[in-house]
């Protein structure tokens, strides 16, 4: 995986912790990060794709927060009208 990442100019992505490592960082931290039981949580990926994916996730989270905000505003506006 490490050699493949190096050759394809990819980084190592930890799918469990959502952490990114350059191939050099990953090689240095190999003994701390990898065990026989958790190697499958690491994948070689394009860091540019990771940025695009993170931005898309942020956009969706912002949309959900805005929808919740509108719902809350509507709820309390109706609630205030009921009390009068």
C-alpha atoms as a PDB file:
ATOM      1  CA  UNK A   1       0.000   0.000   0.000  1.00  0.00           C
ATOM      2  CA  UNK A   2       2.737   2.459   0.921  1.00  0.00           C
ATOM      3  CA  UNK A   3       4.721   1.907  -2.268  1.00  0.00           C
ATOM      4  CA  UNK A   4       1.530   2.110  -4.323  1.00  0.00           C
ATOM      5  CA  UNK A   5       0.610   5.397  -2.643  1.00  0.00           C
ATOM      6  CA  UNK A   6       4.087   6.763  -3.257  1.00  0.00           C
ATOM      7  CA  UNK A   7       4.042   5.799  -6.943  1.00  0.00           C
ATOM      8  CA  UNK A   8       0.567   7.264  -7.513  1.00  0.00           C
ATOM      9  CA  UNK A   9       1.289  10.424  -5.479  1.00  0.00           C
ATOM     10  CA  UNK A  10      -1.428   9.516  -3.023  1.00  0.00           C
ATOM     11  CA  UNK A  11      -1.601   9.844   0.734  1.00  0.00           C
ATOM     12  CA  UNK A  12      -2.704   7.345   3.363  1.00  0.00           C
ATOM     13  CA  UNK A  13      -6.183   7.891   4.757  1.00  0.00           C
ATOM     14  CA  UNK A  14      -7.292   6.424   8.091  1.00  0.00           C
ATOM     15  CA  UNK A  15     -10.970   5.619   7.543  1.00  0.00           C
ATOM     16  CA  UNK A  16     -11.662   5.226  11.254  1.00  0.00           C
ATOM     17  CA  UNK A  17     -10.089   8.462  12.527  1.00  0.00           C
ATOM     18  CA  UNK A  18     -10.548  10.479   9.308  1.00  0.00           C
ATOM     19  CA  UNK A  19      -6.845  11.330   9.434  1.00  0.00           C
ATOM     20  CA  UNK A  20      -4.491  11.892   6.510  1.00  0.00           C
ATOM     21  CA  UNK A  21      -0.802  10.940   6.385  1.00  0.00           C
ATOM     22  CA  UNK A  22       1.779  11.646   3.725  1.00  0.00           C
ATOM     23  CA  UNK A  23       3.578   8.465   2.676  1.00  0.00           C
ATOM     24  CA  UNK A  24       6.624   9.698   4.615  1.00  0.00           C
ATOM     25  CA  UNK A  25       4.605  10.346   7.787  1.00  0.00           C
ATOM     26  CA  UNK A  26       2.897   6.988   7.544  1.00  0.00           C
ATOM     27  CA  UNK A  27       6.191   5.175   7.090  1.00  0.00           C
ATOM     28  CA  UNK A  28       7.602   6.952  10.154  1.00  0.00           C
ATOM     29  CA  UNK A  29       4.526   6.190  12.289  1.00  0.00           C
ATOM     30  CA  UNK A  30       3.910   2.673  10.923  1.00  0.00           C
ATOM     31  CA  UNK A  31       4.744   0.863  14.170  1.00  0.00           C
ATOM     32  CA  UNK A  32       2.458   3.171  16.175  1.00  0.00           C
ATOM     33  CA  UNK A  33      -0.473   3.060  13.769  1.00  0.00           C
ATOM     34  CA  UNK A  34      -0.641  -0.390  12.233  1.00  0.00           C
ATOM     35  CA  UNK A  35      -1.394  -3.760  13.793  1.00  0.00           C
ATOM     36  CA  UNK A  36      -2.334  -7.094  12.247  1.00  0.00           C
ATOM     37  CA  UNK A  37      -5.961  -6.306  13.075  1.00  0.00           C
ATOM     38  CA  UNK A  38      -6.360  -2.757  11.769  1.00  0.00           C
ATOM     39  CA  UNK A  39      -4.445  -2.538   8.487  1.00  0.00           C
ATOM     40  CA  UNK A  40      -7.697  -2.529   6.498  1.00  0.00           C
ATOM     41  CA  UNK A  41      -8.694   0.835   7.986  1.00  0.00           C
ATOM     42  CA  UNK A  42      -5.902   2.529   5.994  1.00  0.00           C
ATOM     43  CA  UNK A  43      -6.258   3.210   2.277  1.00  0.00           C
ATOM     44  CA  UNK A  44      -4.213   5.073  -0.303  1.00  0.00           C
ATOM     45  CA  UNK A  45      -6.237   7.993  -1.683  1.00  0.00           C
ATOM     46  CA  UNK A  46      -5.812  11.213  -3.543  1.00  0.00           C
ATOM     47  CA  UNK A  47      -5.577  14.087  -1.053  1.00  0.00           C
ATOM     48  CA  UNK A  48      -7.326  16.335  -3.599  1.00  0.00           C
ATOM     49  CA  UNK A  49     -10.272  13.934  -3.649  1.00  0.00           C
ATOM     50  CA  UNK A  50     -10.251  14.002   0.146  1.00  0.00           C
ATOM     51  CA  UNK A  51     -10.492  17.790   0.172  1.00  0.00           C
ATOM     52  CA  UNK A  52     -13.355  17.746  -2.337  1.00  0.00           C
ATOM     53  CA  UNK A  53     -15.166  15.093  -0.302  1.00  0.00           C
ATOM     54  CA  UNK A  54     -14.685  17.070   2.931  1.00  0.00           C
ATOM     55  CA  UNK A  55     -16.037  20.234   1.317  1.00  0.00           C
ATOM     56  CA  UNK A  56     -19.082  18.352   0.031  1.00  0.00           C
ATOM     57  CA  UNK A  57     -19.724  16.880   3.489  1.00  0.00           C
ATOM     58  CA  UNK A  58     -19.433  20.366   4.994  1.00  0.00           C
ATOM     59  CA  UNK A  59     -21.883  21.744   2.436  1.00  0.00           C
ATOM     60  CA  UNK A  60     -24.432  19.021   3.251  1.00  0.00           C
ATOM     61  CA  UNK A  61     -23.994  19.569   6.993  1.00  0.00           C
ATOM     62  CA  UNK A  62     -24.563  23.303   6.522  1.00  0.00           C
ATOM     63  CA  UNK A  63     -27.729  22.618   4.509  1.00  0.00           C
ATOM     64  CA  UNK A  64     -29.049  20.336   7.269  1.00  0.00           C
ATOM     65  CA  UNK A  65     -28.251  22.947   9.917  1.00  0.00           C
ATOM     66  CA  UNK A  66     -30.052  25.636   7.908  1.00  0.00           C
ATOM     67  CA  UNK A  67     -33.093  23.364   7.492  1.00  0.00           C
ATOM     68  CA  UNK A  68     -33.158  22.715  11.240  1.00  0.00           C
ATOM     69  CA  UNK A  69     -32.839  26.432  11.938  1.00  0.00           C
ATOM     70  CA  UNK A  70     -35.822  27.199   9.680  1.00  0.00           C
ATOM     71  CA  UNK A  71     -37.819  24.426  11.322  1.00  0.00           C
ATOM     72  CA  UNK A  72     -37.044  25.786  14.791  1.00  0.00           C
ATOM     73  CA  UNK A  73     -37.971  29.317  13.779  1.00  0.00           C
ATOM     74  CA  UNK A  74     -41.255  28.103  12.316  1.00  0.00           C
ATOM     75  CA  UNK A  75     -42.035  26.047  15.389  1.00  0.00           C
ATOM     76  CA  UNK A  76     -41.494  28.900  17.821  1.00  0.00           C
ATOM     77  CA  UNK A  77     -43.382  31.386  15.646  1.00  0.00           C
ATOM     78  CA  UNK A  78     -46.414  29.074  15.671  1.00  0.00           C
ATOM     79  CA  UNK A  79     -45.967  28.413  19.395  1.00  0.00           C
ATOM     80  CA  UNK A  80     -45.949  32.151  20.153  1.00  0.00           C
ATOM     81  CA  UNK A  81     -49.087  32.683  18.055  1.00  0.00           C
ATOM     82  CA  UNK A  82     -50.876  29.900  19.961  1.00  0.00           C
ATOM     83  CA  UNK A  83     -50.191  31.580  23.302  1.00  0.00           C
ATOM     84  CA  UNK A  84     -51.764  34.902  22.243  1.00  0.00           C
END
